[in-house]
């Protein structure tokens, strides 16, 4: 079991039940969902966006895309874009690049969760590595992270 040390310490300190789900190494959340036989809608992916000069963590179902136009309305800003790999590199020091868990609060980054994820009892997400995921109750996640819930997704059908 190898999950991000800060996440491991936080979840254990808060005494929250979670399951670590080891899987073959995979970079894409959608691939992880398929390997774990998890519905794509329950598998959350993290997308970091840059709003003006600050970073924001968005969390949405694995098969969906961030709708930047909707986010511009959410943030009331014309300056909203996807963060680059170079920008993300130092933000999550104990995570593999692209495998950060949706716990931006552990890294000083605000978290915005797409409304669609709140409809499921559980949430599954990468745990800081490309070979481990975590499954936990959505309610426990929400209590620990206090995310802002908005509607900012574009499903694969809306291309």
C-alpha atoms as a PDB file:
ATOM      1  CA  UNK A   1       0.000   0.000   0.000  1.00  0.00           C
ATOM      2  CA  UNK A   2       1.563   3.278  -1.070  1.00  0.00           C
ATOM      3  CA  UNK A   3      -0.592   6.354  -0.964  1.00  0.00           C
ATOM      4  CA  UNK A   4       0.523   9.965  -0.563  1.00  0.00           C
ATOM      5  CA  UNK A   5       1.945  10.313   2.974  1.00  0.00           C
ATOM      6  CA  UNK A   6       0.013  13.505   3.722  1.00  0.00           C
ATOM      7  CA  UNK A   7      -3.253  11.867   2.631  1.00  0.00           C
ATOM      8  CA  UNK A   8      -2.536   8.710   4.622  1.00  0.00           C
ATOM      9  CA  UNK A   9      -1.763  10.710   7.777  1.00  0.00           C
ATOM     10  CA  UNK A  10      -4.842  12.911   7.360  1.00  0.00           C
ATOM     11  CA  UNK A  11      -7.305  10.067   6.776  1.00  0.00           C
ATOM     12  CA  UNK A  12      -5.916   8.075   9.695  1.00  0.00           C
ATOM     13  CA  UNK A  13      -5.890  11.105  11.997  1.00  0.00           C
ATOM     14  CA  UNK A  14      -9.540  11.764  11.156  1.00  0.00           C
ATOM     15  CA  UNK A  15     -10.366   8.060  11.633  1.00  0.00           C
ATOM     16  CA  UNK A  16     -12.229   7.828   8.365  1.00  0.00           C
ATOM     17  CA  UNK A  17     -12.914   4.450   6.792  1.00  0.00           C
ATOM     18  CA  UNK A  18     -11.409   4.038   3.324  1.00  0.00           C
ATOM     19  CA  UNK A  19     -10.245   1.194   1.149  1.00  0.00           C
ATOM     20  CA  UNK A  20      -6.974   1.247  -0.754  1.00  0.00           C
ATOM     21  CA  UNK A  21      -7.429  -0.299  -4.181  1.00  0.00           C
ATOM     22  CA  UNK A  22      -4.114  -1.359  -5.737  1.00  0.00           C
ATOM     23  CA  UNK A  23      -4.139  -1.620  -9.530  1.00  0.00           C
ATOM     24  CA  UNK A  24      -1.687  -1.888 -12.416  1.00  0.00           C
ATOM     25  CA  UNK A  25       0.027   1.429 -13.104  1.00  0.00           C
ATOM     26  CA  UNK A  26      -2.211   3.787 -15.068  1.00  0.00           C
ATOM     27  CA  UNK A  27      -2.120   7.511 -15.731  1.00  0.00           C
ATOM     28  CA  UNK A  28      -5.729   8.162 -16.793  1.00  0.00           C
ATOM     29  CA  UNK A  29      -8.552   8.013 -14.246  1.00  0.00           C
ATOM     30  CA  UNK A  30     -10.821   6.435 -16.851  1.00  0.00           C
ATOM     31  CA  UNK A  31      -8.346   3.563 -17.264  1.00  0.00           C
ATOM     32  CA  UNK A  32      -8.193   3.127 -13.490  1.00  0.00           C
ATOM     33  CA  UNK A  33     -12.000   2.965 -13.348  1.00  0.00           C
ATOM     34  CA  UNK A  34     -12.030   0.238 -15.978  1.00  0.00           C
ATOM     35  CA  UNK A  35      -9.327  -1.783 -14.194  1.00  0.00           C
ATOM     36  CA  UNK A  36     -11.164  -1.510 -10.871  1.00  0.00           C
ATOM     37  CA  UNK A  37     -14.565  -2.260 -12.439  1.00  0.00           C
ATOM     38  CA  UNK A  38     -15.816   1.032 -11.010  1.00  0.00           C
ATOM     39  CA  UNK A  39     -18.547   3.005 -12.758  1.00  0.00           C
ATOM     40  CA  UNK A  40     -16.944   5.881 -14.677  1.00  0.00           C
ATOM     41  CA  UNK A  41     -19.275   8.298 -12.931  1.00  0.00           C
ATOM     42  CA  UNK A  42     -17.969   7.266  -9.467  1.00  0.00           C
ATOM     43  CA  UNK A  43     -14.296   7.491 -10.452  1.00  0.00           C
ATOM     44  CA  UNK A  44     -13.196  11.042  -9.804  1.00  0.00           C
ATOM     45  CA  UNK A  45     -10.396  12.781 -11.623  1.00  0.00           C
ATOM     46  CA  UNK A  46      -8.577  15.921 -10.598  1.00  0.00           C
ATOM     47  CA  UNK A  47      -7.988  18.738 -13.060  1.00  0.00           C
ATOM     48  CA  UNK A  48      -5.987  21.753 -11.920  1.00  0.00           C
ATOM     49  CA  UNK A  49      -7.007  25.080 -13.422  1.00  0.00           C
ATOM     50  CA  UNK A  50      -5.442  28.479 -13.097  1.00  0.00           C
ATOM     51  CA  UNK A  51      -7.850  31.282 -12.280  1.00  0.00           C
ATOM     52  CA  UNK A  52      -6.138  34.659 -12.614  1.00  0.00           C
ATOM     53  CA  UNK A  53      -2.917  33.964 -10.658  1.00  0.00           C
ATOM     54  CA  UNK A  54      -4.107  31.178  -8.349  1.00  0.00           C
ATOM     55  CA  UNK A  55      -4.552  27.456  -8.757  1.00  0.00           C
ATOM     56  CA  UNK A  56      -7.854  25.691  -8.152  1.00  0.00           C
ATOM     57  CA  UNK A  57      -8.529  21.951  -7.975  1.00  0.00           C
ATOM     58  CA  UNK A  58     -11.562  20.742  -9.873  1.00  0.00           C
ATOM     59  CA  UNK A  59     -12.906  17.241  -9.331  1.00  0.00           C
ATOM     60  CA  UNK A  60     -15.271  15.547 -11.768  1.00  0.00           C
ATOM     61  CA  UNK A  61     -16.193  12.110 -13.156  1.00  0.00           C
ATOM     62  CA  UNK A  62     -13.367  10.373 -15.018  1.00  0.00           C
ATOM     63  CA  UNK A  63     -15.046  10.313 -18.423  1.00  0.00           C
ATOM     64  CA  UNK A  64     -16.106  13.963 -18.384  1.00  0.00           C
ATOM     65  CA  UNK A  65     -14.233  17.131 -19.268  1.00  0.00           C
ATOM     66  CA  UNK A  66     -13.954  20.470 -17.519  1.00  0.00           C
ATOM     67  CA  UNK A  67     -16.044  23.102 -19.268  1.00  0.00           C
ATOM     68  CA  UNK A  68     -13.861  26.214 -19.058  1.00  0.00           C
ATOM     69  CA  UNK A  69     -16.740  28.453 -20.164  1.00  0.00           C
ATOM     70  CA  UNK A  70     -18.809  27.297 -17.187  1.00  0.00           C
ATOM     71  CA  UNK A  71     -15.824  27.807 -14.882  1.00  0.00           C
ATOM     72  CA  UNK A  72     -15.397  31.366 -16.132  1.00  0.00           C
ATOM     73  CA  UNK A  73     -18.962  31.999 -14.964  1.00  0.00           C
ATOM     74  CA  UNK A  74     -18.333  30.226 -11.634  1.00  0.00           C
ATOM     75  CA  UNK A  75     -15.234  32.323 -10.937  1.00  0.00           C
ATOM     76  CA  UNK A  76     -16.563  35.474 -12.625  1.00  0.00           C
ATOM     77  CA  UNK A  77     -13.290  35.731 -14.521  1.00  0.00           C
ATOM     78  CA  UNK A  78     -12.182  35.665 -18.137  1.00  0.00           C
ATOM     79  CA  UNK A  79      -8.798  34.315 -17.072  1.00  0.00           C
ATOM     80  CA  UNK A  80      -9.460  30.603 -16.518  1.00  0.00           C
ATOM     81  CA  UNK A  81      -7.307  27.951 -18.166  1.00  0.00           C
ATOM     82  CA  UNK A  82      -5.926  24.484 -17.575  1.00  0.00           C
ATOM     83  CA  UNK A  83      -2.696  24.527 -15.578  1.00  0.00           C
ATOM     84  CA  UNK A  84       0.382  23.229 -17.370  1.00  0.00           C
ATOM     85  CA  UNK A  85       2.398  20.209 -16.226  1.00  0.00           C
ATOM     86  CA  UNK A  86       5.291  22.523 -15.332  1.00  0.00           C
ATOM     87  CA  UNK A  87       2.985  24.601 -13.120  1.00  0.00           C
ATOM     88  CA  UNK A  88       1.582  21.539 -11.358  1.00  0.00           C
ATOM     89  CA  UNK A  89       4.930  19.869 -10.713  1.00  0.00           C
ATOM     90  CA  UNK A  90       5.708  21.562  -7.389  1.00  0.00           C
ATOM     91  CA  UNK A  91       2.165  21.818  -6.042  1.00  0.00           C
ATOM     92  CA  UNK A  92       1.866  18.217  -4.780  1.00  0.00           C
ATOM     93  CA  UNK A  93       5.335  17.255  -3.502  1.00  0.00           C
ATOM     94  CA  UNK A  94       4.366  13.826  -2.150  1.00  0.00           C
ATOM     95  CA  UNK A  95       2.374  12.747  -5.230  1.00  0.00           C
ATOM     96  CA  UNK A  96       3.292  11.388  -8.625  1.00  0.00           C
ATOM     97  CA  UNK A  97       2.580  13.925 -11.354  1.00  0.00           C
ATOM     98  CA  UNK A  98      -1.053  13.593 -12.418  1.00  0.00           C
ATOM     99  CA  UNK A  99      -2.062  11.276  -9.560  1.00  0.00           C
ATOM    100  CA  UNK A 100      -2.970  13.860  -6.937  1.00  0.00           C
ATOM    101  CA  UNK A 101      -5.933  13.040  -4.715  1.00  0.00           C
ATOM    102  CA  UNK A 102      -8.880  15.458  -4.542  1.00  0.00           C
ATOM    103  CA  UNK A 103      -7.698  16.802  -1.185  1.00  0.00           C
ATOM    104  CA  UNK A 104      -6.483  20.243  -2.237  1.00  0.00           C
ATOM    105  CA  UNK A 105      -6.939  21.366   1.366  1.00  0.00           C
ATOM    106  CA  UNK A 106      -3.791  19.364   2.221  1.00  0.00           C
ATOM    107  CA  UNK A 107      -1.835  21.454  -0.289  1.00  0.00           C
ATOM    108  CA  UNK A 108      -3.404  24.883   0.223  1.00  0.00           C
ATOM    109  CA  UNK A 109      -5.517  24.689  -2.937  1.00  0.00           C
ATOM    110  CA  UNK A 110      -9.299  25.274  -2.976  1.00  0.00           C
ATOM    111  CA  UNK A 111     -11.397  22.324  -4.161  1.00  0.00           C
ATOM    112  CA  UNK A 112     -14.412  22.541  -6.488  1.00  0.00           C
ATOM    113  CA  UNK A 113     -16.423  19.352  -6.983  1.00  0.00           C
ATOM    114  CA  UNK A 114     -18.799  18.868  -9.864  1.00  0.00           C
ATOM    115  CA  UNK A 115     -22.392  18.464  -8.692  1.00  0.00           C
ATOM    116  CA  UNK A 116     -22.655  15.071 -10.406  1.00  0.00           C
ATOM    117  CA  UNK A 117     -20.225  13.450  -7.934  1.00  0.00           C
ATOM    118  CA  UNK A 118     -22.431  14.341  -4.974  1.00  0.00           C
ATOM    119  CA  UNK A 119     -25.155  12.012  -6.247  1.00  0.00           C
ATOM    120  CA  UNK A 120     -23.215   8.824  -5.490  1.00  0.00           C
ATOM    121  CA  UNK A 121     -22.716   7.196  -2.124  1.00  0.00           C
ATOM    122  CA  UNK A 122     -19.028   6.517  -2.795  1.00  0.00           C
ATOM    123  CA  UNK A 123     -16.163   8.242  -4.518  1.00  0.00           C
ATOM    124  CA  UNK A 124     -13.036   6.596  -5.929  1.00  0.00           C
ATOM    125  CA  UNK A 125      -9.899   8.567  -6.741  1.00  0.00           C
ATOM    126  CA  UNK A 126      -6.166   8.249  -7.289  1.00  0.00           C
ATOM    127  CA  UNK A 127      -4.265   8.253  -4.011  1.00  0.00           C
ATOM    128  CA  UNK A 128      -1.119  10.123  -5.008  1.00  0.00           C
ATOM    129  CA  UNK A 129       0.361   7.292  -7.061  1.00  0.00           C
ATOM    130  CA  UNK A 130      -0.432   5.787 -10.442  1.00  0.00           C
ATOM    131  CA  UNK A 131      -0.922   2.340  -8.877  1.00  0.00           C
ATOM    132  CA  UNK A 132      -3.258   2.963  -5.929  1.00  0.00           C
ATOM    133  CA  UNK A 133      -6.753   4.378  -5.633  1.00  0.00           C
ATOM    134  CA  UNK A 134      -8.984   5.023  -2.657  1.00  0.00           C
ATOM    135  CA  UNK A 135     -12.678   4.277  -2.234  1.00  0.00           C
ATOM    136  CA  UNK A 136     -14.572   6.068   0.513  1.00  0.00           C
ATOM    137  CA  UNK A 137     -18.009   7.427   1.260  1.00  0.00           C
ATOM    138  CA  UNK A 138     -18.668  10.686  -0.556  1.00  0.00           C
ATOM    139  CA  UNK A 139     -20.056  12.221   2.624  1.00  0.00           C
ATOM    140  CA  UNK A 140     -16.787  11.501   4.518  1.00  0.00           C
ATOM    141  CA  UNK A 141     -14.827  13.064   1.672  1.00  0.00           C
ATOM    142  CA  UNK A 142     -17.031  16.183   1.713  1.00  0.00           C
ATOM    143  CA  UNK A 143     -16.711  16.590   5.495  1.00  0.00           C
ATOM    144  CA  UNK A 144     -12.903  16.389   5.274  1.00  0.00           C
ATOM    145  CA  UNK A 145     -12.427  18.631   2.228  1.00  0.00           C
ATOM    146  CA  UNK A 146     -15.350  21.111   2.393  1.00  0.00           C
ATOM    147  CA  UNK A 147     -15.421  21.457  -1.404  1.00  0.00           C
ATOM    148  CA  UNK A 148     -17.427  24.066  -3.250  1.00  0.00           C
ATOM    149  CA  UNK A 149     -20.041  22.210  -5.289  1.00  0.00           C
ATOM    150  CA  UNK A 150     -20.756  23.608  -8.758  1.00  0.00           C
ATOM    151  CA  UNK A 151     -21.801  22.361 -12.183  1.00  0.00           C
ATOM    152  CA  UNK A 152     -18.796  22.695 -14.499  1.00  0.00           C
ATOM    153  CA  UNK A 153     -18.581  19.443 -16.457  1.00  0.00           C
ATOM    154  CA  UNK A 154     -19.030  18.608 -20.077  1.00  0.00           C
ATOM    155  CA  UNK A 155     -19.833  14.946 -20.615  1.00  0.00           C
ATOM    156  CA  UNK A 156     -18.213  13.012 -23.444  1.00  0.00           C
ATOM    157  CA  UNK A 157     -21.596  13.140 -25.203  1.00  0.00           C
ATOM    158  CA  UNK A 158     -21.440  16.955 -25.265  1.00  0.00           C
ATOM    159  CA  UNK A 159     -18.323  17.191 -27.427  1.00  0.00           C
END
